[in-house]
Amino acid sequence: MQVTLEDIPVMCVVAIDGLDGIKGAWDKLEAPLPTLKGRKFYGTYLNGEYRACVALHKDDDPAALGLDAWVIPGGAYARRKMVNWSEHADEIGATFAAMAEEYPGDPTRPSIEFYRSQTELQLLLPIAVESPRAISI
């Protein structure tokens, strides 16, 4: 399935050791938040860099929380849902790879993990939208 996303302003933490630093990045992101309830969480990956992200609320002050401000770029994305994702976390990379074989990718934007709930994860692969074909009349 294909979807179009708007830009998503977030606070984030870059994983220090690439994919090996993912848990540490999430711990650092969640620690200063007074509550996780009602928050939207994302993981992004681009050019070897993983970011743990939380959507920015109007009263958030990233600097005061010791977090970076960033914007997850919108645009066209292919989407796949994973149910019980925590039991299948080792399949995330392979699922993105399978999606990349189906859709023309956009290497300028990150792949996104949207943690919709404790059980549902949405994987979003940035795709290049081809312009409509010209026709002769």
N, C-alpha and C. Protein backbone atom coordinates (compact mmCIF):
# COMPACT_ATOMS: atom_id res chain seq x y z
N MET A 1 0.84 -1.17 0.00
CA MET A 1 0.00 0.00 0.00
C MET A 1 0.89 1.24 0.00
N GLN A 2 0.45 2.27 -0.71
CA GLN A 2 1.19 3.53 -0.74
C GLN A 2 0.42 4.60 0.01
N VAL A 3 1.16 5.45 0.73
CA VAL A 3 0.56 6.55 1.48
C VAL A 3 1.40 7.80 1.25
N THR A 4 0.80 8.95 1.51
CA THR A 4 1.53 10.21 1.46
C THR A 4 1.53 10.81 2.85
N LEU A 5 2.71 11.12 3.36
CA LEU A 5 2.86 11.69 4.70
C LEU A 5 3.17 13.17 4.61
N GLU A 6 2.70 13.91 5.59
CA GLU A 6 3.11 15.30 5.79
C GLU A 6 4.44 15.26 6.55
N ASP A 7 5.19 16.36 6.53
CA ASP A 7 6.38 16.45 7.37
C ASP A 7 5.98 16.24 8.82
N ILE A 8 6.84 15.59 9.61
CA ILE A 8 6.55 15.31 11.01
C ILE A 8 7.64 15.94 11.88
N PRO A 9 7.35 17.06 12.55
CA PRO A 9 8.33 17.65 13.47
C PRO A 9 8.50 16.72 14.68
N VAL A 10 9.76 16.45 15.03
CA VAL A 10 10.05 15.51 16.12
C VAL A 10 11.19 16.01 16.99
N MET A 11 11.30 15.38 18.15
CA MET A 11 12.51 15.43 18.97
C MET A 11 13.16 14.08 18.77
N CYS A 12 14.50 14.06 18.76
CA CYS A 12 15.14 12.78 18.45
C CYS A 12 16.50 12.63 19.12
N VAL A 13 16.98 11.38 19.08
CA VAL A 13 18.31 11.02 19.54
C VAL A 13 18.92 10.14 18.46
N VAL A 14 20.12 10.48 18.01
CA VAL A 14 20.84 9.67 17.02
C VAL A 14 21.54 8.53 17.75
N ALA A 15 21.38 7.32 17.24
CA ALA A 15 22.05 6.15 17.81
C ALA A 15 23.55 6.29 17.59
N ILE A 16 24.31 6.32 18.66
CA ILE A 16 25.76 6.54 18.60
C ILE A 16 26.48 5.47 17.79
N ASP A 17 26.16 4.22 17.99
CA ASP A 17 26.86 3.11 17.32
C ASP A 17 26.03 2.50 16.21
N GLY A 18 25.34 3.35 15.44
CA GLY A 18 24.51 2.82 14.35
C GLY A 18 23.43 1.92 14.90
N LEU A 19 23.20 0.81 14.21
CA LEU A 19 22.14 -0.10 14.64
C LEU A 19 22.41 -0.73 15.99
N ASP A 20 23.68 -0.83 16.39
CA ASP A 20 24.01 -1.39 17.71
C ASP A 20 23.61 -0.44 18.84
N GLY A 21 23.43 0.82 18.53
CA GLY A 21 23.08 1.81 19.55
C GLY A 21 21.61 2.14 19.66
N ILE A 22 20.76 1.34 19.01
CA ILE A 22 19.33 1.64 18.98
C ILE A 22 18.73 1.67 20.39
N LYS A 23 18.98 0.66 21.20
CA LYS A 23 18.39 0.63 22.54
C LYS A 23 18.81 1.85 23.37
N GLY A 24 20.07 2.21 23.29
CA GLY A 24 20.55 3.38 24.03
C GLY A 24 19.89 4.67 23.56
N ALA A 25 19.65 4.78 22.27
CA ALA A 25 18.99 5.98 21.74
C ALA A 25 17.55 6.06 22.25
N TRP A 26 16.85 4.94 22.27
CA TRP A 26 15.48 4.95 22.79
C TRP A 26 15.46 5.28 24.28
N ASP A 27 16.38 4.72 25.03
CA ASP A 27 16.45 5.01 26.48
C ASP A 27 16.67 6.51 26.70
N LYS A 28 17.58 7.10 25.93
CA LYS A 28 17.89 8.52 26.08
C LYS A 28 16.71 9.39 25.65
N LEU A 29 15.96 8.95 24.63
CA LEU A 29 14.80 9.71 24.16
C LEU A 29 13.67 9.70 25.20
N GLU A 30 13.39 8.54 25.75
CA GLU A 30 12.25 8.39 26.64
C GLU A 30 12.51 8.94 28.05
N ALA A 31 13.76 8.93 28.51
CA ALA A 31 14.08 9.30 29.89
C ALA A 31 13.58 10.68 30.31
N PRO A 32 13.74 11.75 29.52
CA PRO A 32 13.31 13.07 29.99
C PRO A 32 11.82 13.36 29.82
N LEU A 33 11.09 12.47 29.16
CA LEU A 33 9.66 12.71 28.93
C LEU A 33 8.87 12.42 30.20
N PRO A 34 8.00 13.33 30.63
CA PRO A 34 7.24 13.09 31.86
C PRO A 34 6.31 11.88 31.74
N THR A 35 5.83 11.59 30.53
CA THR A 35 5.00 10.42 30.27
C THR A 35 5.13 10.03 28.81
N LEU A 36 4.97 8.75 28.53
CA LEU A 36 5.00 8.27 27.15
C LEU A 36 3.59 8.20 26.57
N LYS A 37 2.61 8.28 27.46
CA LYS A 37 1.21 8.17 27.06
C LYS A 37 0.83 9.32 26.12
N GLY A 38 0.14 8.98 25.05
CA GLY A 38 -0.33 9.99 24.11
C GLY A 38 0.73 10.47 23.14
N ARG A 39 1.89 9.87 23.16
CA ARG A 39 2.99 10.26 22.27
C ARG A 39 3.05 9.35 21.05
N LYS A 40 3.55 9.88 19.94
CA LYS A 40 3.77 9.09 18.73
C LYS A 40 5.28 8.92 18.55
N PHE A 41 5.71 7.66 18.44
CA PHE A 41 7.12 7.34 18.36
C PHE A 41 7.49 6.78 16.99
N TYR A 42 8.69 7.17 16.54
CA TYR A 42 9.19 6.78 15.22
C TYR A 42 10.66 6.41 15.34
N GLY A 43 11.08 5.49 14.50
CA GLY A 43 12.49 5.23 14.29
C GLY A 43 12.77 5.53 12.83
N THR A 44 13.89 6.17 12.53
CA THR A 44 14.22 6.45 11.13
C THR A 44 15.62 5.91 10.83
N TYR A 45 15.83 5.57 9.58
CA TYR A 45 17.13 5.06 9.16
C TYR A 45 17.46 5.60 7.79
N LEU A 46 18.65 6.24 7.69
CA LEU A 46 19.11 6.78 6.42
C LEU A 46 20.64 6.81 6.42
N ASN A 47 21.22 6.23 5.39
CA ASN A 47 22.67 6.26 5.21
C ASN A 47 23.44 5.81 6.45
N GLY A 48 22.97 4.74 7.09
CA GLY A 48 23.66 4.19 8.24
C GLY A 48 23.34 4.87 9.56
N GLU A 49 22.49 5.89 9.54
CA GLU A 49 22.16 6.62 10.77
C GLU A 49 20.73 6.29 11.22
N TYR A 50 20.62 5.82 12.46
CA TYR A 50 19.32 5.52 13.06
C TYR A 50 18.98 6.62 14.06
N ARG A 51 17.73 7.08 14.02
CA ARG A 51 17.26 8.07 14.99
C ARG A 51 16.00 7.55 15.69
N ALA A 52 15.98 7.63 17.01
CA ALA A 52 14.79 7.37 17.79
C ALA A 52 14.08 8.72 17.91
N CYS A 53 12.79 8.76 17.58
CA CYS A 53 12.07 10.04 17.50
C CYS A 53 10.72 9.98 18.20
N VAL A 54 10.29 11.15 18.66
CA VAL A 54 8.94 11.32 19.21
C VAL A 54 8.37 12.59 18.61
N ALA A 55 7.10 12.51 18.17
CA ALA A 55 6.46 13.68 17.57
C ALA A 55 6.44 14.83 18.56
N LEU A 56 6.70 16.00 18.06
CA LEU A 56 6.77 17.20 18.88
C LEU A 56 5.37 17.67 19.27
N HIS A 57 5.15 17.89 20.56
CA HIS A 57 3.92 18.52 21.05
C HIS A 57 4.16 20.02 21.12
N LYS A 58 3.10 20.80 21.10
CA LYS A 58 3.24 22.26 21.05
C LYS A 58 4.01 22.85 22.24
N ASP A 59 3.94 22.23 23.41
CA ASP A 59 4.63 22.76 24.59
C ASP A 59 6.02 22.17 24.82
N ASP A 60 6.46 21.27 23.92
CA ASP A 60 7.78 20.65 24.09
C ASP A 60 8.90 21.64 23.85
N ASP A 61 9.96 21.49 24.61
CA ASP A 61 11.18 22.28 24.44
C ASP A 61 12.33 21.28 24.31
N PRO A 62 12.67 20.90 23.07
CA PRO A 62 13.70 19.88 22.88
C PRO A 62 15.02 20.21 23.59
N ALA A 63 15.47 21.45 23.50
CA ALA A 63 16.75 21.82 24.11
C ALA A 63 16.70 21.63 25.62
N ALA A 64 15.59 22.03 26.26
CA ALA A 64 15.47 21.88 27.71
C ALA A 64 15.45 20.40 28.12
N LEU A 65 14.97 19.55 27.22
CA LEU A 65 14.92 18.11 27.49
C LEU A 65 16.22 17.41 27.09
N GLY A 66 17.14 18.15 26.49
CA GLY A 66 18.40 17.56 26.05
C GLY A 66 18.27 16.73 24.78
N LEU A 67 17.26 17.06 23.97
CA LEU A 67 17.00 16.32 22.74
C LEU A 67 17.19 17.22 21.52
N ASP A 68 17.44 16.62 20.38
CA ASP A 68 17.56 17.36 19.13
C ASP A 68 16.18 17.54 18.52
N ALA A 69 15.98 18.65 17.81
CA ALA A 69 14.76 18.86 17.02
C ALA A 69 15.09 18.50 15.58
N TRP A 70 14.13 17.92 14.91
CA TRP A 70 14.33 17.48 13.53
C TRP A 70 12.96 17.37 12.87
N VAL A 71 12.93 17.17 11.57
CA VAL A 71 11.68 16.94 10.84
C VAL A 71 11.83 15.69 9.99
N ILE A 72 10.94 14.73 10.20
CA ILE A 72 10.89 13.57 9.33
C ILE A 72 10.21 14.04 8.05
N PRO A 73 10.90 13.90 6.92
CA PRO A 73 10.33 14.45 5.68
C PRO A 73 9.11 13.67 5.19
N GLY A 74 8.12 14.41 4.76
CA GLY A 74 6.92 13.82 4.20
C GLY A 74 7.17 13.36 2.77
N GLY A 75 6.09 12.95 2.14
CA GLY A 75 6.16 12.50 0.75
C GLY A 75 5.51 11.14 0.60
N ALA A 76 5.80 10.50 -0.52
CA ALA A 76 5.23 9.20 -0.83
C ALA A 76 6.02 8.08 -0.15
N TYR A 77 5.30 7.16 0.46
CA TYR A 77 5.91 6.02 1.15
C TYR A 77 5.10 4.76 0.85
N ALA A 78 5.79 3.63 0.73
CA ALA A 78 5.14 2.33 0.71
C ALA A 78 5.00 1.91 2.17
N ARG A 79 3.89 1.26 2.52
CA ARG A 79 3.64 0.92 3.93
C ARG A 79 3.33 -0.57 4.08
N ARG A 80 3.92 -1.13 5.12
CA ARG A 80 3.60 -2.50 5.55
C ARG A 80 3.36 -2.48 7.04
N LYS A 81 2.42 -3.27 7.50
CA LYS A 81 2.15 -3.37 8.93
C LYS A 81 2.75 -4.67 9.46
N MET A 82 3.30 -4.57 10.68
CA MET A 82 3.77 -5.75 11.41
C MET A 82 2.96 -5.83 12.70
N VAL A 83 2.33 -6.96 12.92
CA VAL A 83 1.57 -7.20 14.14
C VAL A 83 2.48 -7.98 15.09
N ASN A 84 2.36 -7.69 16.38
CA ASN A 84 3.24 -8.29 17.39
C ASN A 84 4.70 -8.08 17.00
N TRP A 85 4.99 -6.83 16.66
CA TRP A 85 6.31 -6.49 16.13
C TRP A 85 7.47 -6.83 17.07
N SER A 86 7.23 -6.74 18.38
CA SER A 86 8.34 -7.03 19.30
C SER A 86 8.80 -8.48 19.20
N GLU A 87 7.91 -9.37 18.79
CA GLU A 87 8.27 -10.77 18.60
C GLU A 87 8.93 -11.00 17.24
N HIS A 88 8.84 -10.01 16.35
CA HIS A 88 9.36 -10.15 14.99
C HIS A 88 10.33 -9.02 14.64
N ALA A 89 10.93 -8.40 15.63
CA ALA A 89 11.83 -7.28 15.38
C ALA A 89 12.99 -7.65 14.46
N ASP A 90 13.40 -8.91 14.51
CA ASP A 90 14.50 -9.35 13.65
C ASP A 90 14.10 -9.41 12.17
N GLU A 91 12.82 -9.23 11.85
CA GLU A 91 12.34 -9.27 10.48
C GLU A 91 12.20 -7.88 9.86
N ILE A 92 12.46 -6.83 10.64
CA ILE A 92 12.26 -5.47 10.13
C ILE A 92 13.14 -5.19 8.92
N GLY A 93 14.43 -5.48 9.02
CA GLY A 93 15.35 -5.24 7.91
C GLY A 93 14.96 -6.00 6.65
N ALA A 94 14.60 -7.27 6.80
CA ALA A 94 14.21 -8.09 5.65
C ALA A 94 12.91 -7.57 5.02
N THR A 95 12.01 -7.06 5.84
CA THR A 95 10.76 -6.52 5.32
C THR A 95 11.03 -5.26 4.51
N PHE A 96 11.88 -4.39 5.01
CA PHE A 96 12.26 -3.20 4.24
C PHE A 96 12.94 -3.62 2.93
N ALA A 97 13.79 -4.64 2.97
CA ALA A 97 14.47 -5.10 1.76
C ALA A 97 13.48 -5.62 0.73
N ALA A 98 12.48 -6.36 1.19
CA ALA A 98 11.45 -6.88 0.28
C ALA A 98 10.65 -5.73 -0.33
N MET A 99 10.36 -4.72 0.47
CA MET A 99 9.63 -3.56 -0.04
C MET A 99 10.46 -2.84 -1.11
N ALA A 100 11.77 -2.75 -0.88
CA ALA A 100 12.67 -2.06 -1.82
C ALA A 100 12.72 -2.78 -3.16
N GLU A 101 12.45 -4.07 -3.18
CA GLU A 101 12.41 -4.81 -4.44
C GLU A 101 11.12 -4.53 -5.21
N GLU A 102 10.08 -4.13 -4.50
CA GLU A 102 8.78 -3.86 -5.13
C GLU A 102 8.61 -2.43 -5.62
N TYR A 103 9.24 -1.50 -4.93
CA TYR A 103 9.01 -0.08 -5.19
C TYR A 103 10.31 0.64 -5.53
N PRO A 104 10.22 1.65 -6.43
CA PRO A 104 11.42 2.47 -6.69
C PRO A 104 11.68 3.36 -5.49
N GLY A 105 12.83 3.21 -4.88
CA GLY A 105 13.14 3.95 -3.66
C GLY A 105 13.55 5.39 -3.87
N ASP A 106 13.49 6.15 -2.81
CA ASP A 106 13.97 7.53 -2.79
C ASP A 106 15.09 7.58 -1.75
N PRO A 107 16.35 7.58 -2.18
CA PRO A 107 17.47 7.52 -1.24
C PRO A 107 17.72 8.82 -0.48
N THR A 108 16.94 9.86 -0.74
CA THR A 108 17.14 11.14 -0.04
C THR A 108 16.34 11.24 1.25
N ARG A 109 15.41 10.31 1.45
CA ARG A 109 14.57 10.35 2.66
C ARG A 109 14.74 9.05 3.43
N PRO A 110 14.51 9.11 4.76
CA PRO A 110 14.73 7.91 5.59
C PRO A 110 13.58 6.91 5.52
N SER A 111 13.92 5.65 5.79
CA SER A 111 12.91 4.63 6.06
C SER A 111 12.39 4.94 7.46
N ILE A 112 11.10 4.67 7.70
CA ILE A 112 10.48 5.04 8.97
C ILE A 112 9.81 3.83 9.61
N GLU A 113 10.01 3.70 10.90
CA GLU A 113 9.23 2.76 11.72
C GLU A 113 8.27 3.64 12.54
N PHE A 114 6.98 3.42 12.39
CA PHE A 114 5.99 4.15 13.18
C PHE A 114 5.39 3.16 14.17
N TYR A 115 5.65 3.41 15.45
CA TYR A 115 5.17 2.53 16.52
C TYR A 115 3.74 2.93 16.87
N ARG A 116 2.80 2.42 16.10
CA ARG A 116 1.39 2.80 16.22
C ARG A 116 0.80 2.37 17.57
N SER A 117 1.24 1.23 18.08
CA SER A 117 0.77 0.74 19.37
C SER A 117 1.80 -0.24 19.92
N GLN A 118 1.51 -0.81 21.07
CA GLN A 118 2.41 -1.80 21.67
C GLN A 118 2.55 -3.03 20.78
N THR A 119 1.56 -3.27 19.93
CA THR A 119 1.60 -4.47 19.09
C THR A 119 1.76 -4.18 17.60
N GLU A 120 1.37 -2.98 17.13
CA GLU A 120 1.43 -2.69 15.69
C GLU A 120 2.56 -1.72 15.35
N LEU A 121 3.36 -2.14 14.38
CA LEU A 121 4.43 -1.31 13.84
C LEU A 121 4.15 -1.12 12.36
N GLN A 122 4.23 0.12 11.91
CA GLN A 122 4.09 0.39 10.48
C GLN A 122 5.47 0.72 9.92
N LEU A 123 5.85 0.01 8.86
CA LEU A 123 7.12 0.24 8.19
C LEU A 123 6.84 1.08 6.95
N LEU A 124 7.55 2.17 6.81
CA LEU A 124 7.32 3.11 5.71
C LEU A 124 8.62 3.30 4.93
N LEU A 125 8.60 2.89 3.67
CA LEU A 125 9.76 3.01 2.79
C LEU A 125 9.54 4.20 1.85
N PRO A 126 10.47 5.17 1.84
CA PRO A 126 10.30 6.31 0.94
C PRO A 126 10.39 5.85 -0.51
N ILE A 127 9.44 6.28 -1.30
CA ILE A 127 9.45 5.86 -2.70
C ILE A 127 9.46 7.07 -3.63
N ALA A 128 10.06 6.84 -4.78
CA ALA A 128 10.09 7.87 -5.82
C ALA A 128 8.75 7.80 -6.54
N VAL A 129 8.14 8.93 -6.69
CA VAL A 129 6.87 8.97 -7.42
C VAL A 129 7.20 9.37 -8.84
N GLU A 130 6.90 8.47 -9.74
CA GLU A 130 7.17 8.75 -11.14
C GLU A 130 6.13 9.73 -11.65
N SER A 131 6.58 10.64 -12.50
CA SER A 131 5.63 11.58 -13.09
C SER A 131 4.77 10.83 -14.08
N PRO A 132 3.53 11.30 -14.29
CA PRO A 132 2.66 10.60 -15.23
C PRO A 132 3.33 10.54 -16.61
N ARG A 133 3.08 9.45 -17.30
CA ARG A 133 3.66 9.30 -18.63
C ARG A 133 3.00 10.28 -19.61
N ALA A 134 3.83 10.83 -20.44
CA ALA A 134 3.30 11.74 -21.47
C ALA A 134 2.63 10.88 -22.55
N ILE A 135 1.53 11.36 -23.04
CA ILE A 135 0.85 10.65 -24.11
C ILE A 135 0.72 11.58 -25.32
N SER A 136 0.72 10.99 -26.48
CA SER A 136 0.54 11.78 -27.71
C SER A 136 -0.94 11.82 -28.05
N ILE A 137 -1.42 13.00 -28.45
CA ILE A 137 -2.82 13.10 -28.87
C ILE A 137 -2.92 13.67 -30.26
